[in-house]
Amino acid sequence: MNAIIIAFKIPKNIFTNTNSIDAYNDWIRDLTWIDQYDGYILIIENFEQMMSSYPKEKGIIMDEFRETIYPFWQDEVLHTVVDGKAKGFFVLLID
């Protein structure tokens, strides 16, 4: 999560609990500070090695993309955010 927080430039002053998956999910579905884009791409290099000592946590993070983040940006944003618009959110996994 910390690497993703850095990649998306989540402001440090608004993300106070970096160990909370709920707080992370809130901010990754906000992104108002970079709202000028029509979509988002996250490239994860060395995916096989990423968190190899923490496979359970790696699975949780990847599940969050599939179950929470992708659906939000694809459709839920239209119903939950005032003037919200659907945007592409892609994660490229590179070994």
N, C-alpha and C. Protein backbone atom coordinates (compact mmCIF):
# COMPACT_ATOMS: atom_id res chain seq x y z
N MET A 1 0.82 -1.20 0.00
CA MET A 1 0.00 0.00 0.00
C MET A 1 0.86 1.25 0.00
N ASN A 2 1.97 1.22 0.72
CA ASN A 2 2.81 2.42 0.79
C ASN A 2 3.34 2.82 -0.57
N ALA A 3 3.73 1.84 -1.40
CA ALA A 3 4.22 2.15 -2.74
C ALA A 3 3.10 2.75 -3.60
N ILE A 4 1.89 2.25 -3.44
CA ILE A 4 0.76 2.78 -4.20
C ILE A 4 0.41 4.19 -3.72
N ILE A 5 0.51 4.42 -2.42
CA ILE A 5 0.28 5.76 -1.86
C ILE A 5 1.26 6.74 -2.48
N ILE A 6 2.51 6.33 -2.63
CA ILE A 6 3.52 7.20 -3.24
C ILE A 6 3.23 7.39 -4.73
N ALA A 7 2.90 6.31 -5.44
CA ALA A 7 2.66 6.38 -6.88
C ALA A 7 1.52 7.32 -7.23
N PHE A 8 0.46 7.30 -6.43
CA PHE A 8 -0.69 8.15 -6.69
C PHE A 8 -0.63 9.47 -5.95
N LYS A 9 0.49 9.72 -5.30
CA LYS A 9 0.73 10.99 -4.62
C LYS A 9 -0.39 11.34 -3.65
N ILE A 10 -0.85 10.33 -2.92
CA ILE A 10 -1.87 10.56 -1.91
C ILE A 10 -1.27 11.49 -0.86
N PRO A 11 -1.87 12.65 -0.66
CA PRO A 11 -1.29 13.63 0.27
C PRO A 11 -1.10 13.05 1.67
N LYS A 12 0.10 13.22 2.20
CA LYS A 12 0.42 12.66 3.52
C LYS A 12 -0.46 13.22 4.62
N ASN A 13 -0.84 14.47 4.50
CA ASN A 13 -1.64 15.09 5.57
C ASN A 13 -3.07 14.56 5.62
N ILE A 14 -3.54 13.88 4.56
CA ILE A 14 -4.89 13.35 4.60
C ILE A 14 -4.92 11.84 4.80
N PHE A 15 -3.78 11.20 4.68
CA PHE A 15 -3.73 9.75 4.85
C PHE A 15 -2.95 9.47 6.12
N THR A 16 -3.65 9.44 7.23
CA THR A 16 -2.98 9.34 8.52
C THR A 16 -2.77 7.92 9.00
N ASN A 17 -3.56 6.96 8.51
CA ASN A 17 -3.42 5.58 8.98
C ASN A 17 -3.02 4.70 7.80
N THR A 18 -1.71 4.59 7.56
CA THR A 18 -1.22 3.85 6.40
C THR A 18 -1.36 2.35 6.56
N ASN A 19 -1.79 1.88 7.71
CA ASN A 19 -1.98 0.45 7.91
C ASN A 19 -3.44 0.03 7.73
N SER A 20 -4.29 0.94 7.39
CA SER A 20 -5.71 0.64 7.28
C SER A 20 -6.10 0.41 5.83
N ILE A 21 -6.56 -0.79 5.51
CA ILE A 21 -7.02 -1.09 4.16
C ILE A 21 -8.26 -0.26 3.83
N ASP A 22 -9.08 0.03 4.82
CA ASP A 22 -10.27 0.85 4.59
C ASP A 22 -9.89 2.27 4.20
N ALA A 23 -8.94 2.85 4.90
CA ALA A 23 -8.49 4.20 4.57
C ALA A 23 -7.85 4.23 3.19
N TYR A 24 -7.04 3.23 2.89
CA TYR A 24 -6.42 3.12 1.57
C TYR A 24 -7.50 3.05 0.48
N ASN A 25 -8.51 2.21 0.68
CA ASN A 25 -9.59 2.09 -0.30
C ASN A 25 -10.35 3.40 -0.48
N ASP A 26 -10.55 4.12 0.60
CA ASP A 26 -11.22 5.42 0.50
C ASP A 26 -10.43 6.36 -0.41
N TRP A 27 -9.13 6.45 -0.20
CA TRP A 27 -8.33 7.42 -0.95
C TRP A 27 -8.08 6.97 -2.38
N ILE A 28 -7.93 5.68 -2.63
CA ILE A 28 -7.69 5.22 -4.00
C ILE A 28 -8.97 5.35 -4.84
N ARG A 29 -10.11 5.52 -4.17
CA ARG A 29 -11.37 5.78 -4.87
C ARG A 29 -11.73 7.26 -4.83
N ASP A 30 -10.84 8.09 -4.39
CA ASP A 30 -11.06 9.54 -4.35
C ASP A 30 -10.23 10.17 -5.48
N LEU A 31 -8.96 10.28 -5.28
CA LEU A 31 -8.02 10.81 -6.27
C LEU A 31 -8.38 12.18 -6.81
N THR A 32 -9.10 12.99 -6.02
CA THR A 32 -9.50 14.33 -6.48
C THR A 32 -8.30 15.24 -6.72
N TRP A 33 -7.18 14.99 -6.07
CA TRP A 33 -6.00 15.82 -6.25
C TRP A 33 -5.34 15.57 -7.60
N ILE A 34 -5.72 14.50 -8.31
CA ILE A 34 -5.22 14.25 -9.66
C ILE A 34 -6.41 14.01 -10.60
N ASP A 35 -7.49 14.71 -10.37
CA ASP A 35 -8.75 14.49 -11.08
C ASP A 35 -8.71 14.89 -12.54
N GLN A 36 -7.67 15.55 -12.99
CA GLN A 36 -7.64 16.04 -14.37
C GLN A 36 -7.45 14.92 -15.38
N TYR A 37 -7.21 13.70 -14.94
CA TYR A 37 -6.98 12.59 -15.85
C TYR A 37 -8.28 11.84 -16.16
N ASP A 38 -8.30 11.22 -17.34
CA ASP A 38 -9.47 10.44 -17.76
C ASP A 38 -9.41 9.00 -17.28
N GLY A 39 -8.31 8.62 -16.69
CA GLY A 39 -8.14 7.27 -16.17
C GLY A 39 -6.81 7.15 -15.46
N TYR A 40 -6.57 5.99 -14.92
CA TYR A 40 -5.37 5.78 -14.12
C TYR A 40 -4.72 4.46 -14.49
N ILE A 41 -3.39 4.44 -14.50
CA ILE A 41 -2.64 3.22 -14.77
C ILE A 41 -1.60 3.06 -13.67
N LEU A 42 -1.59 1.89 -13.08
CA LEU A 42 -0.59 1.55 -12.08
C LEU A 42 0.23 0.40 -12.66
N ILE A 43 1.53 0.59 -12.77
CA ILE A 43 2.42 -0.46 -13.28
C ILE A 43 3.18 -1.04 -12.10
N ILE A 44 3.03 -2.33 -11.90
CA ILE A 44 3.74 -3.01 -10.82
C ILE A 44 4.82 -3.87 -11.47
N GLU A 45 6.06 -3.48 -11.30
CA GLU A 45 7.19 -4.23 -11.84
C GLU A 45 7.62 -5.30 -10.83
N ASN A 46 8.22 -6.34 -11.34
CA ASN A 46 8.69 -7.44 -10.50
C ASN A 46 7.56 -8.01 -9.65
N PHE A 47 6.43 -8.23 -10.29
CA PHE A 47 5.24 -8.66 -9.57
C PHE A 47 5.45 -9.97 -8.82
N GLU A 48 6.16 -10.91 -9.40
CA GLU A 48 6.38 -12.20 -8.73
C GLU A 48 7.14 -12.01 -7.41
N GLN A 49 8.09 -11.09 -7.39
CA GLN A 49 8.86 -10.84 -6.17
C GLN A 49 8.14 -9.93 -5.19
N MET A 50 7.21 -9.14 -5.70
CA MET A 50 6.50 -8.19 -4.85
C MET A 50 5.86 -8.92 -3.67
N MET A 51 6.24 -8.52 -2.50
CA MET A 51 5.65 -9.05 -1.26
C MET A 51 5.73 -10.59 -1.19
N SER A 52 6.78 -11.16 -1.76
CA SER A 52 6.90 -12.62 -1.77
C SER A 52 6.93 -13.21 -0.35
N SER A 53 7.35 -12.43 0.61
CA SER A 53 7.34 -12.89 2.00
C SER A 53 5.98 -12.72 2.66
N TYR A 54 5.07 -12.05 1.97
CA TYR A 54 3.74 -11.78 2.51
C TYR A 54 2.66 -12.13 1.48
N PRO A 55 2.56 -13.40 1.10
CA PRO A 55 1.60 -13.77 0.05
C PRO A 55 0.15 -13.49 0.42
N LYS A 56 -0.20 -13.64 1.68
CA LYS A 56 -1.58 -13.38 2.10
C LYS A 56 -1.94 -11.91 1.88
N GLU A 57 -1.06 -11.01 2.32
CA GLU A 57 -1.30 -9.58 2.17
C GLU A 57 -1.30 -9.16 0.71
N LYS A 58 -0.43 -9.79 -0.10
CA LYS A 58 -0.40 -9.52 -1.53
C LYS A 58 -1.75 -9.90 -2.15
N GLY A 59 -2.27 -11.03 -1.76
CA GLY A 59 -3.57 -11.47 -2.25
C GLY A 59 -4.68 -10.52 -1.86
N ILE A 60 -4.62 -10.02 -0.64
CA ILE A 60 -5.64 -9.06 -0.17
C ILE A 60 -5.60 -7.79 -1.03
N ILE A 61 -4.41 -7.28 -1.27
CA ILE A 61 -4.27 -6.06 -2.07
C ILE A 61 -4.81 -6.28 -3.48
N MET A 62 -4.46 -7.41 -4.10
CA MET A 62 -4.94 -7.68 -5.45
C MET A 62 -6.45 -7.90 -5.46
N ASP A 63 -6.99 -8.55 -4.43
CA ASP A 63 -8.44 -8.71 -4.31
C ASP A 63 -9.14 -7.36 -4.21
N GLU A 64 -8.54 -6.43 -3.51
CA GLU A 64 -9.13 -5.10 -3.37
C GLU A 64 -9.27 -4.41 -4.72
N PHE A 65 -8.28 -4.61 -5.60
CA PHE A 65 -8.41 -4.05 -6.94
C PHE A 65 -9.61 -4.65 -7.65
N ARG A 66 -9.71 -5.98 -7.65
CA ARG A 66 -10.79 -6.67 -8.36
C ARG A 66 -12.16 -6.39 -7.77
N GLU A 67 -12.26 -6.39 -6.46
CA GLU A 67 -13.57 -6.35 -5.80
C GLU A 67 -14.04 -4.95 -5.40
N THR A 68 -13.11 -4.03 -5.24
CA THR A 68 -13.48 -2.71 -4.73
C THR A 68 -13.10 -1.58 -5.68
N ILE A 69 -11.86 -1.53 -6.10
CA ILE A 69 -11.35 -0.38 -6.85
C ILE A 69 -11.84 -0.37 -8.29
N TYR A 70 -11.68 -1.48 -9.03
CA TYR A 70 -12.16 -1.54 -10.41
C TYR A 70 -13.66 -1.24 -10.51
N PRO A 71 -14.50 -1.94 -9.72
CA PRO A 71 -15.95 -1.67 -9.82
C PRO A 71 -16.31 -0.22 -9.51
N PHE A 72 -15.60 0.37 -8.57
CA PHE A 72 -15.88 1.77 -8.24
C PHE A 72 -15.66 2.66 -9.44
N TRP A 73 -14.46 2.59 -10.04
CA TRP A 73 -14.14 3.49 -11.14
C TRP A 73 -14.91 3.15 -12.41
N GLN A 74 -15.35 1.93 -12.55
CA GLN A 74 -16.10 1.54 -13.74
C GLN A 74 -17.55 2.02 -13.68
N ASP A 75 -18.18 1.94 -12.50
CA ASP A 75 -19.61 2.22 -12.45
C ASP A 75 -20.07 2.91 -11.16
N GLU A 76 -19.59 2.47 -10.03
CA GLU A 76 -20.10 2.98 -8.75
C GLU A 76 -19.90 4.48 -8.59
N VAL A 77 -18.83 5.01 -9.16
CA VAL A 77 -18.55 6.45 -9.06
C VAL A 77 -19.71 7.28 -9.62
N LEU A 78 -20.41 6.73 -10.59
CA LEU A 78 -21.55 7.44 -11.19
C LEU A 78 -22.70 7.63 -10.20
N HIS A 79 -22.80 6.72 -9.24
CA HIS A 79 -23.92 6.72 -8.31
C HIS A 79 -23.57 7.23 -6.91
N THR A 80 -22.29 7.38 -6.64
CA THR A 80 -21.89 7.73 -5.28
C THR A 80 -21.17 9.07 -5.15
N VAL A 81 -20.74 9.64 -6.26
CA VAL A 81 -20.00 10.90 -6.24
C VAL A 81 -20.78 11.94 -7.04
N VAL A 82 -20.97 13.12 -6.46
CA VAL A 82 -21.64 14.20 -7.18
C VAL A 82 -20.84 14.52 -8.44
N ASP A 83 -21.50 14.49 -9.56
CA ASP A 83 -20.86 14.72 -10.86
C ASP A 83 -19.75 13.71 -11.16
N GLY A 84 -19.82 12.55 -10.54
CA GLY A 84 -18.81 11.52 -10.76
C GLY A 84 -18.87 10.98 -12.17
N LYS A 85 -17.71 10.61 -12.70
CA LYS A 85 -17.68 10.02 -14.03
C LYS A 85 -16.79 8.79 -14.01
N ALA A 86 -17.18 7.81 -14.80
CA ALA A 86 -16.42 6.57 -14.89
C ALA A 86 -15.06 6.85 -15.52
N LYS A 87 -14.06 6.16 -15.02
CA LYS A 87 -12.70 6.31 -15.54
C LYS A 87 -12.07 4.93 -15.60
N GLY A 88 -11.17 4.77 -16.52
CA GLY A 88 -10.42 3.52 -16.56
C GLY A 88 -9.43 3.46 -15.41
N PHE A 89 -9.30 2.31 -14.83
CA PHE A 89 -8.30 2.09 -13.79
C PHE A 89 -7.65 0.76 -14.11
N PHE A 90 -6.40 0.81 -14.54
CA PHE A 90 -5.70 -0.37 -15.00
C PHE A 90 -4.48 -0.64 -14.15
N VAL A 91 -4.23 -1.90 -13.90
CA VAL A 91 -3.02 -2.33 -13.21
C VAL A 91 -2.29 -3.28 -14.13
N LEU A 92 -1.08 -2.91 -14.51
CA LEU A 92 -0.25 -3.76 -15.35
C LEU A 92 0.75 -4.47 -14.45
N LEU A 93 0.78 -5.79 -14.55
CA LEU A 93 1.69 -6.59 -13.74
C LEU A 93 2.83 -7.07 -14.63
N ILE A 94 4.04 -6.69 -14.28
CA ILE A 94 5.22 -7.01 -15.08
C ILE A 94 6.21 -7.80 -14.23
N ASP A 95 6.70 -8.89 -14.79
CA ASP A 95 7.74 -9.67 -14.08
C ASP A 95 9.10 -9.17 -14.44
